[in-house]
Amino acid sequence: MGKLSKTVLSKKIFADAQPREKRYELWDANLPGFGVRITVSGLKTYIVRYRADGGDRSAPRRFVTVGRANIITLDQARKKARALLAQVLLGEDPAAERNAKRLALNISELVDIYESEGCYIQRGKRQGEPMKELTKRYTLARLRHHVVPLLGKRRASEILSGHIENFVRDVAAGKTTGDQKLGPRRRVIVRGGEGAARKVFRDLSAVFSFAQRRGIVDSNPCEHAAVRKTDNQNNRYLTKEEGGRLGAACDTLEAQGANRKGIDIVRLWALTGCRRQEIAELKWSEIDFERGLLVLEDTKTGKSIRPLGAAALALLQGIEQTENSEFVFPADYGGGHFQGMKGIWKKIIDTADLPGVTPHTLRHTLASLAISSGEAMALTDAILGHANPRSTAILRISTMIHLAKRLIV
């Protein structure tokens, strides 16, 4: 318990109030019922607590969110809290009114709430951590382009498992595909298909789980929907001959004047096994030339250290650093990193005659080479940046099956 004031707030809440194993609250001695809730991730939210139905001790206890401590000021929160507590004194029940409104929410409105509140907190292994900006952008794009057009006007509380199954079938059948030009050099292309359907199904399940935690719906209809919940296993690897064609295509396009940054990014995908964005967003500060390592500050699995082979190290040493840019592959215009990989990758696989090969295929190929050459699982984990050894174990099994099939053939 702690007295909440301007002085105490700056020192106590933002400095001393550290996350604990369970969330907890600090209450304001000057305004009973007003306080700050601190989650296990360190998120701080102003709240109001009161008892409904007259306020006696047998009445149900209610909580109302006032606002996030990093968005509104203490004065603004206290002013809003006083107004809510005044409603309670007049016999009103702000929490019940809020819940009644939320029960009438349609899916489109629920997605809006999820964008402003739910997208900040991840579930699973990284529970409580903020969602990566790129992940958030892709997630919201899928929700806006697939879920809202097909389910947007339906009430969230009335969605059943059967509705989810029909929705997934419609996305897989391509009912949400589109190509819309929004302006110069800006286009939105929406593709359906089974892969898109499975991804947006997982996104929609996360939205309903969020809604369930907030009391907007009673259950998550996605949990009991008869939908395949995992992507197809991608067992595509490049053979030695295919790898040679890929390298030759890179050399040919470079000689023809293709953007050298894009060509080198593809080469590093093949030589390091890194994920696409890990190379595209690579910074000079993340390369340890002396020890031959990449020290990636912020990856899918957090901070990650990756060993570099001699070829990858030599390629990086041959790249000239651009003045006033922290990125190894800076954008041609502006201060960000290079963004033109989609077009370059298509030219490369067309030139190499490798239809269906994706950048992730290169990651699988390097992993298969490491595993088939007898490298220890721990080293393969390090190369790929897997935080969970189970991921490498699954890949090892998949690789061995692939190699066995090649031997049988």
Protein backbone atom coordinates (compact mmCIF):
# COMPACT_ATOMS: atom_id res chain seq x y z
CA MET A 1 0.00 0.00 0.00
CA GLY A 2 1.28 3.48 -0.71
CA LYS A 3 0.10 7.07 -0.75
CA LEU A 4 -0.21 8.27 -4.34
CA SER A 5 0.74 11.87 -5.04
CA LYS A 6 2.73 13.73 -7.66
CA THR A 7 5.93 13.39 -5.64
CA VAL A 8 5.33 9.77 -4.67
CA LEU A 9 4.19 8.85 -8.19
CA SER A 10 7.42 9.85 -9.87
CA LYS A 11 9.59 8.19 -7.22
CA LYS A 12 7.46 5.29 -6.05
CA ILE A 13 5.48 4.15 -9.07
CA PHE A 14 7.94 4.69 -11.90
CA ALA A 15 11.17 4.07 -9.98
CA ASP A 16 10.57 1.77 -7.01
CA ALA A 17 7.44 -0.12 -8.09
CA GLN A 18 9.04 -3.04 -9.91
CA PRO A 19 7.14 -5.96 -11.49
CA ARG A 20 6.50 -8.93 -9.21
CA GLU A 21 5.49 -12.54 -9.78
CA LYS A 22 1.85 -11.45 -9.55
CA ARG A 23 0.22 -8.16 -10.40
CA TYR A 24 -0.47 -5.79 -7.51
CA GLU A 25 -2.00 -2.38 -6.74
CA LEU A 26 -0.94 0.80 -4.95
CA TRP A 27 -3.80 2.93 -3.62
CA ASP A 28 -4.17 6.68 -3.21
CA ALA A 29 -4.67 7.83 0.38
CA ASN A 30 -6.13 11.15 -0.79
CA LEU A 31 -8.85 9.64 -3.01
CA PRO A 32 -10.11 6.28 -1.68
CA GLY A 33 -10.76 3.82 -4.47
CA PHE A 34 -8.22 5.34 -6.84
CA GLY A 35 -4.94 3.56 -7.50
CA VAL A 36 -2.40 2.10 -9.90
CA ARG A 37 -2.22 -1.54 -10.97
CA ILE A 38 1.21 -2.93 -11.89
CA THR A 39 1.34 -6.08 -14.02
CA VAL A 40 4.04 -8.74 -14.17
CA SER A 41 5.34 -7.03 -17.35
CA GLY A 42 5.68 -3.67 -15.58
CA LEU A 43 2.65 -2.07 -17.27
CA LYS A 44 1.05 0.53 -14.97
CA THR A 45 -2.65 1.38 -15.27
CA TYR A 46 -4.79 3.80 -13.26
CA ILE A 47 -7.90 2.08 -11.87
CA VAL A 48 -10.95 2.78 -9.72
CA ARG A 49 -12.29 0.24 -7.21
CA TYR A 50 -15.73 0.49 -5.60
CA ARG A 51 -18.64 -1.57 -4.31
CA ALA A 52 -21.89 -1.57 -6.29
CA ASP A 53 -25.53 -1.64 -5.07
CA GLY A 54 -25.21 0.99 -2.38
CA GLY A 55 -21.64 0.27 -1.34
CA ASP A 56 -22.15 -1.96 1.74
CA ARG A 57 -19.56 -4.65 2.45
CA SER A 58 -21.72 -7.43 1.03
CA ALA A 59 -22.02 -5.67 -2.35
CA PRO A 60 -19.92 -6.94 -5.27
CA ARG A 61 -16.58 -5.23 -5.78
CA ARG A 62 -16.05 -3.59 -9.16
CA PHE A 63 -12.99 -2.32 -11.02
CA VAL A 64 -12.92 0.24 -13.82
CA THR A 65 -9.83 1.09 -15.88
CA VAL A 66 -9.14 4.83 -15.95
CA GLY A 67 -6.16 4.83 -18.31
CA ARG A 68 -2.54 3.84 -18.76
CA ALA A 69 0.04 5.67 -16.69
CA ASN A 70 2.21 6.25 -19.77
CA ILE A 71 -0.66 7.84 -21.71
CA ILE A 72 -2.55 10.09 -19.27
CA THR A 73 -1.19 12.19 -16.41
CA LEU A 74 -1.92 11.72 -12.72
CA ASP A 75 -4.10 14.84 -12.68
CA GLN A 76 -6.12 13.61 -15.65
CA ALA A 77 -6.53 10.17 -14.09
CA ARG A 78 -7.57 11.58 -10.72
CA LYS A 79 -10.12 13.90 -12.36
CA LYS A 80 -11.64 10.99 -14.29
CA ALA A 81 -11.61 8.80 -11.16
CA ARG A 82 -13.51 11.46 -9.16
CA ALA A 83 -16.18 11.56 -11.89
CA LEU A 84 -16.54 7.76 -11.82
CA LEU A 85 -16.74 7.65 -8.01
CA ALA A 86 -19.36 10.43 -8.11
CA GLN A 87 -21.48 8.20 -10.37
CA VAL A 88 -21.22 5.44 -7.77
CA LEU A 89 -22.43 7.80 -5.00
CA LEU A 90 -25.46 8.59 -7.16
CA GLY A 91 -26.33 4.89 -7.33
CA GLU A 92 -24.88 4.16 -10.74
CA ASP A 93 -22.63 1.22 -11.64
CA PRO A 94 -20.00 2.33 -14.23
CA ALA A 95 -18.50 -1.15 -14.58
CA ALA A 96 -21.88 -2.76 -15.27
CA GLU A 97 -22.70 -0.06 -17.83
CA ARG A 98 -19.34 -0.61 -19.49
CA ASN A 99 -19.88 -4.38 -19.60
CA ALA A 100 -23.36 -3.95 -21.06
CA LYS A 101 -21.93 -1.80 -23.85
CA ARG A 102 -19.18 -4.31 -24.49
CA LEU A 103 -21.67 -7.17 -24.81
CA ALA A 104 -23.13 -5.28 -27.77
CA LEU A 105 -19.73 -4.84 -29.44
CA ASN A 106 -19.40 -6.15 -32.95
CA ILE A 107 -16.21 -7.77 -34.22
CA SER A 108 -15.02 -4.61 -35.96
CA GLU A 109 -15.27 -2.65 -32.69
CA LEU A 110 -13.58 -5.49 -30.82
CA VAL A 111 -10.63 -5.35 -33.23
CA ASP A 112 -10.36 -1.61 -32.50
CA ILE A 113 -10.17 -2.31 -28.75
CA TYR A 114 -7.65 -5.10 -29.34
CA GLU A 115 -5.48 -2.70 -31.33
CA SER A 116 -5.45 -0.10 -28.55
CA GLU A 117 -5.24 -2.47 -25.56
CA GLY A 118 -4.61 -6.12 -26.42
CA CYS A 119 -1.80 -5.87 -28.96
CA TYR A 120 0.60 -4.57 -26.33
CA ILE A 121 0.71 -7.84 -24.41
CA GLN A 122 1.83 -11.14 -25.89
CA ARG A 123 0.85 -14.59 -24.70
CA GLY A 124 2.76 -17.87 -24.53
CA LYS A 125 6.52 -17.94 -23.96
CA ARG A 126 6.82 -14.14 -24.17
CA GLN A 127 3.74 -13.46 -22.05
CA GLY A 128 3.52 -9.90 -20.80
CA GLU A 129 6.10 -8.52 -23.27
CA PRO A 130 5.12 -5.85 -25.82
CA MET A 131 4.33 -7.19 -29.26
CA LYS A 132 7.04 -6.49 -31.83
CA GLU A 133 6.09 -3.54 -34.04
CA LEU A 134 6.35 -5.57 -37.24
CA THR A 135 4.36 -8.45 -35.71
CA LYS A 136 1.70 -6.00 -34.56
CA ARG A 137 1.47 -4.44 -38.02
CA TYR A 138 1.08 -7.82 -39.76
CA THR A 139 -1.41 -9.05 -37.16
CA LEU A 140 -3.64 -5.99 -37.45
CA ALA A 141 -3.41 -6.07 -41.25
CA ARG A 142 -4.70 -9.65 -41.29
CA LEU A 143 -7.51 -8.77 -38.88
CA ARG A 144 -8.51 -5.70 -40.91
CA HIS A 145 -8.31 -7.37 -44.32
CA HIS A 146 -9.82 -10.78 -43.50
CA VAL A 147 -11.80 -10.70 -40.24
CA VAL A 148 -13.51 -7.31 -40.52
CA PRO A 149 -14.89 -7.81 -44.05
CA LEU A 150 -16.36 -11.25 -43.25
CA LEU A 151 -17.32 -11.00 -39.56
CA GLY A 152 -17.06 -7.29 -38.75
CA LYS A 153 -20.79 -6.57 -38.31
CA ARG A 154 -21.56 -9.61 -36.14
CA ARG A 155 -21.76 -9.22 -32.37
CA ALA A 156 -18.68 -10.66 -30.68
CA SER A 157 -20.79 -12.32 -27.96
CA GLU A 158 -22.84 -14.20 -30.58
CA ILE A 159 -19.98 -15.73 -32.59
CA LEU A 160 -20.00 -19.55 -32.43
CA SER A 161 -17.47 -22.19 -33.47
CA GLY A 162 -19.45 -22.81 -36.66
CA HIS A 163 -19.05 -19.17 -37.66
CA ILE A 164 -15.28 -19.51 -37.21
CA GLU A 165 -15.15 -22.66 -39.34
CA ASN A 166 -17.07 -20.93 -42.16
CA PHE A 167 -14.80 -17.89 -41.87
CA VAL A 168 -11.63 -19.98 -42.20
CA ARG A 169 -13.04 -21.79 -45.25
CA ASP A 170 -13.94 -18.47 -46.88
CA VAL A 171 -10.44 -17.02 -46.37
CA ALA A 172 -8.87 -20.24 -47.69
CA ALA A 173 -11.15 -20.02 -50.75
CA GLY A 174 -9.95 -16.48 -51.48
CA LYS A 175 -13.09 -14.50 -50.64
CA THR A 176 -11.05 -11.71 -49.04
CA THR A 177 -8.44 -11.31 -51.78
CA GLY A 178 -8.02 -7.84 -53.23
CA ASP A 179 -5.65 -5.36 -54.83
CA GLN A 180 -6.20 -1.73 -53.88
CA LYS A 181 -4.06 1.23 -54.91
CA LEU A 182 -3.98 3.83 -52.12
CA GLY A 183 -1.69 6.35 -53.73
CA PRO A 184 1.72 6.84 -55.33
CA ARG A 185 3.99 3.87 -54.53
CA ARG A 186 1.43 2.49 -52.10
CA ARG A 187 -0.65 -0.56 -52.78
CA VAL A 188 -2.48 -3.07 -50.57
CA ILE A 189 -2.57 -6.59 -51.95
CA VAL A 190 -4.57 -9.08 -49.88
CA ARG A 191 -4.02 -12.75 -50.61
CA GLY A 192 -6.15 -15.55 -49.21
CA GLY A 193 -5.36 -19.25 -49.27
CA GLU A 194 -4.86 -21.89 -46.62
CA GLY A 195 -1.73 -20.31 -45.16
CA ALA A 196 -3.43 -16.95 -44.69
CA ALA A 197 -6.49 -18.69 -43.21
CA ARG A 198 -4.43 -20.48 -40.58
CA LYS A 199 -2.52 -17.35 -39.61
CA VAL A 200 -5.60 -15.16 -39.27
CA PHE A 201 -7.35 -17.94 -37.35
CA ARG A 202 -4.59 -17.75 -34.72
CA ASP A 203 -4.88 -13.95 -34.69
CA LEU A 204 -8.65 -14.14 -34.20
CA SER A 205 -8.23 -16.67 -31.41
CA ALA A 206 -5.90 -14.23 -29.63
CA VAL A 207 -8.53 -11.49 -30.01
CA PHE A 208 -11.22 -13.69 -28.43
CA SER A 209 -8.87 -14.74 -25.61
CA PHE A 210 -8.28 -11.04 -24.92
CA ALA A 211 -12.05 -10.40 -25.02
CA GLN A 212 -12.64 -13.29 -22.62
CA ARG A 213 -10.11 -11.89 -20.13
CA ARG A 214 -11.88 -8.52 -20.32
CA GLY A 215 -15.34 -10.03 -19.77
CA ILE A 216 -16.56 -9.09 -23.24
CA VAL A 217 -17.30 -12.72 -24.20
CA ASP A 218 -17.83 -15.80 -22.05
CA SER A 219 -15.62 -18.13 -24.09
CA ASN A 220 -13.30 -18.33 -27.07
CA PRO A 221 -15.21 -19.91 -30.00
CA CYS A 222 -11.92 -20.65 -31.78
CA GLU A 223 -10.92 -23.20 -29.15
CA HIS A 224 -13.56 -25.71 -30.24
CA ALA A 225 -13.65 -24.91 -33.97
CA ALA A 226 -12.80 -27.82 -36.27
CA VAL A 227 -9.87 -26.02 -37.89
CA ARG A 228 -6.34 -27.22 -38.51
CA LYS A 229 -4.38 -25.00 -36.19
CA THR A 230 -0.83 -25.45 -37.53
CA ASP A 231 0.83 -24.64 -40.83
CA ASN A 232 1.98 -27.33 -43.20
CA GLN A 233 5.44 -28.67 -42.46
CA ASN A 234 7.80 -27.04 -44.92
CA ASN A 235 10.36 -29.71 -45.77
CA ARG A 236 11.82 -27.87 -48.77
CA TYR A 237 15.62 -27.79 -48.87
CA LEU A 238 18.01 -26.76 -51.59
CA THR A 239 20.19 -29.45 -53.10
CA LYS A 240 23.85 -28.73 -53.82
CA GLU A 241 23.01 -28.16 -57.48
CA GLU A 242 20.11 -25.81 -56.60
CA GLY A 243 22.35 -23.88 -54.21
CA GLY A 244 24.82 -23.41 -57.04
CA ARG A 245 22.06 -22.04 -59.28
CA LEU A 246 21.01 -19.61 -56.56
CA GLY A 247 24.56 -18.32 -56.19
CA ALA A 248 24.98 -18.03 -59.94
CA ALA A 249 21.70 -16.08 -60.18
CA CYS A 250 22.98 -13.62 -57.57
CA ASP A 251 26.21 -13.12 -59.52
CA THR A 252 24.34 -12.68 -62.83
CA LEU A 253 21.92 -10.09 -61.47
CA GLU A 254 24.71 -8.20 -59.73
CA ALA A 255 26.60 -8.03 -63.04
CA GLN A 256 23.42 -6.72 -64.69
CA GLY A 257 23.23 -3.87 -62.20
CA ALA A 258 20.73 -5.17 -59.64
CA ASN A 259 20.82 -3.49 -56.24
CA ARG A 260 23.92 -4.84 -54.45
CA LYS A 261 22.29 -4.47 -51.03
CA GLY A 262 19.49 -6.88 -51.92
CA ILE A 263 21.91 -9.38 -53.47
CA ASP A 264 24.13 -9.36 -50.37
CA ILE A 265 21.11 -9.78 -48.08
CA VAL A 266 20.17 -12.96 -49.97
CA ARG A 267 23.75 -14.22 -49.77
CA LEU A 268 23.74 -13.67 -46.01
CA TRP A 269 20.39 -15.44 -45.66
CA ALA A 270 22.02 -18.47 -47.26
CA LEU A 271 25.31 -18.20 -45.36
CA THR A 272 23.98 -17.49 -41.85
CA GLY A 273 20.56 -19.15 -41.56
CA CYS A 274 19.23 -15.95 -40.03
CA ARG A 275 15.61 -14.89 -40.33
CA ARG A 276 14.75 -12.38 -43.06
CA GLN A 277 14.42 -9.28 -40.89
CA GLU A 278 17.46 -10.17 -38.79
CA ILE A 279 19.66 -9.57 -41.83
CA ALA A 280 17.61 -6.80 -43.47
CA GLU A 281 17.66 -4.80 -40.19
CA LEU A 282 21.24 -5.72 -39.23
CA LYS A 283 23.22 -2.92 -37.57
CA TRP A 284 26.99 -2.44 -37.55
CA SER A 285 26.92 -2.45 -33.74
CA GLU A 286 25.58 -6.03 -33.84
CA ILE A 287 28.62 -7.43 -35.69
CA ASP A 288 31.58 -8.64 -33.64
CA PHE A 289 34.26 -8.94 -36.33
CA GLU A 290 36.97 -9.91 -33.85
CA ARG A 291 35.14 -12.99 -32.53
CA GLY A 292 33.16 -13.73 -35.71
CA LEU A 293 29.72 -13.29 -34.16
CA LEU A 294 26.41 -11.55 -34.68
CA VAL A 295 25.10 -10.13 -31.40
CA LEU A 296 21.48 -9.40 -32.28
CA GLU A 297 19.80 -7.18 -29.71
CA ASP A 298 16.15 -7.81 -30.52
CA THR A 299 15.03 -10.96 -32.36
CA LYS A 300 11.96 -13.18 -32.29
CA THR A 301 13.45 -14.91 -29.24
CA GLY A 302 15.03 -11.82 -27.62
CA LYS A 303 18.75 -11.10 -27.58
CA SER A 304 20.63 -13.69 -29.61
CA ILE A 305 24.28 -14.51 -30.37
CA ARG A 306 24.98 -16.27 -33.70
CA PRO A 307 28.30 -17.70 -34.93
CA LEU A 308 29.45 -16.52 -38.37
CA GLY A 309 31.16 -18.70 -40.95
CA ALA A 310 34.25 -17.47 -42.79
CA ALA A 311 32.31 -16.71 -46.00
CA ALA A 312 29.66 -14.65 -44.19
CA LEU A 313 32.31 -12.78 -42.22
CA ALA A 314 34.28 -12.00 -45.39
CA LEU A 315 31.13 -10.72 -47.12
CA LEU A 316 30.35 -8.37 -44.21
CA GLN A 317 33.94 -7.13 -44.09
CA GLY A 318 33.67 -6.21 -47.75
CA ILE A 319 30.63 -3.95 -47.28
CA GLU A 320 31.42 -0.26 -47.03
CA GLN A 321 29.70 1.48 -44.12
CA THR A 322 27.34 4.27 -45.15
CA GLU A 323 27.97 7.55 -43.38
CA ASN A 324 25.32 8.57 -40.82
CA SER A 325 23.55 5.18 -40.91
CA GLU A 326 23.60 2.50 -38.23
CA PHE A 327 22.32 -0.13 -40.68
CA VAL A 328 24.53 -2.45 -42.70
CA PHE A 329 21.94 -2.21 -45.50
CA PRO A 330 20.49 1.31 -45.25
CA ALA A 331 17.46 2.42 -47.23
CA ASP A 332 18.10 4.12 -50.55
CA TYR A 333 15.97 7.01 -49.30
CA GLY A 334 15.33 8.04 -45.68
CA GLY A 335 16.93 6.84 -42.48
CA GLY A 336 15.65 3.28 -42.17
CA HIS A 337 16.90 -0.05 -43.47
CA PHE A 338 16.65 -1.41 -47.03
CA GLN A 339 13.08 -2.38 -47.94
CA GLY A 340 13.24 -3.62 -51.54
CA MET A 341 13.69 -7.36 -51.03
CA LYS A 342 10.41 -8.59 -52.50
CA GLY A 343 11.26 -7.60 -56.08
CA ILE A 344 14.91 -8.68 -55.87
CA TRP A 345 14.03 -12.08 -54.40
CA LYS A 346 11.55 -12.76 -57.23
CA LYS A 347 14.20 -11.92 -59.84
CA ILE A 348 16.69 -14.26 -58.16
CA ILE A 349 14.42 -17.31 -57.93
CA ASP A 350 13.15 -16.70 -61.49
CA THR A 351 16.71 -16.48 -62.81
CA ALA A 352 17.74 -19.60 -60.85
CA ASP A 353 14.53 -21.43 -61.89
CA LEU A 354 13.62 -22.25 -58.27
CA PRO A 355 9.81 -21.84 -58.13
CA GLY A 356 8.30 -22.13 -54.65
CA VAL A 357 11.59 -21.46 -52.85
CA THR A 358 11.28 -18.86 -50.08
CA PRO A 359 13.89 -17.08 -47.94
CA HIS A 360 12.96 -19.48 -45.14
CA THR A 361 14.04 -22.35 -47.41
CA LEU A 362 17.60 -21.03 -47.11
CA ARG A 363 17.31 -21.18 -43.32
CA HIS A 364 16.09 -24.79 -43.53
CA THR A 365 18.89 -25.65 -45.93
CA LEU A 366 21.65 -24.36 -43.65
CA ALA A 367 20.08 -26.19 -40.70
CA SER A 368 19.93 -29.44 -42.67
CA LEU A 369 23.59 -29.07 -43.62
CA ALA A 370 24.57 -28.52 -39.98
CA ILE A 371 22.52 -31.49 -38.80
CA SER A 372 23.53 -33.88 -41.59
CA SER A 373 27.21 -33.07 -41.00
CA GLY A 374 26.81 -34.19 -37.38
CA GLU A 375 26.86 -30.84 -35.59
CA ALA A 376 25.59 -30.92 -32.00
CA MET A 377 22.06 -29.73 -31.35
CA ALA A 378 23.38 -26.92 -29.14
CA LEU A 379 25.46 -25.54 -32.03
CA THR A 380 22.53 -25.81 -34.41
CA ASP A 381 20.41 -23.95 -31.83
CA ALA A 382 23.04 -21.20 -31.78
CA ILE A 383 23.21 -20.94 -35.57
CA LEU A 384 19.43 -20.66 -35.94
CA GLY A 385 18.78 -18.58 -32.83
CA HIS A 386 16.29 -21.07 -31.37
CA ALA A 387 15.47 -20.30 -27.75
CA ASN A 388 13.61 -23.59 -27.38
CA PRO A 389 15.64 -26.78 -28.15
CA ARG A 390 12.35 -28.44 -29.12
CA SER A 391 12.31 -26.35 -32.32
CA THR A 392 15.70 -27.73 -33.33
CA ALA A 393 14.70 -31.27 -32.32
CA ILE A 394 11.66 -31.12 -34.59
CA LEU A 395 13.81 -29.74 -37.40
CA ARG A 396 16.36 -32.51 -36.81
CA ILE A 397 13.67 -35.18 -37.16
CA SER A 398 12.31 -33.51 -40.29
CA THR A 399 15.81 -33.31 -41.76
CA MET A 400 16.56 -36.96 -41.07
CA ILE A 401 13.29 -37.99 -42.75
CA HIS A 402 14.22 -35.82 -45.74
CA LEU A 403 17.68 -37.35 -45.98
CA ALA A 404 16.26 -40.87 -45.64
CA LYS A 405 13.86 -40.23 -48.53
CA ARG A 406 16.75 -39.02 -50.70
CA LEU A 407 18.73 -42.17 -49.89
CA ILE A 408 15.75 -44.39 -50.74
CA VAL A 409 15.25 -42.61 -54.05
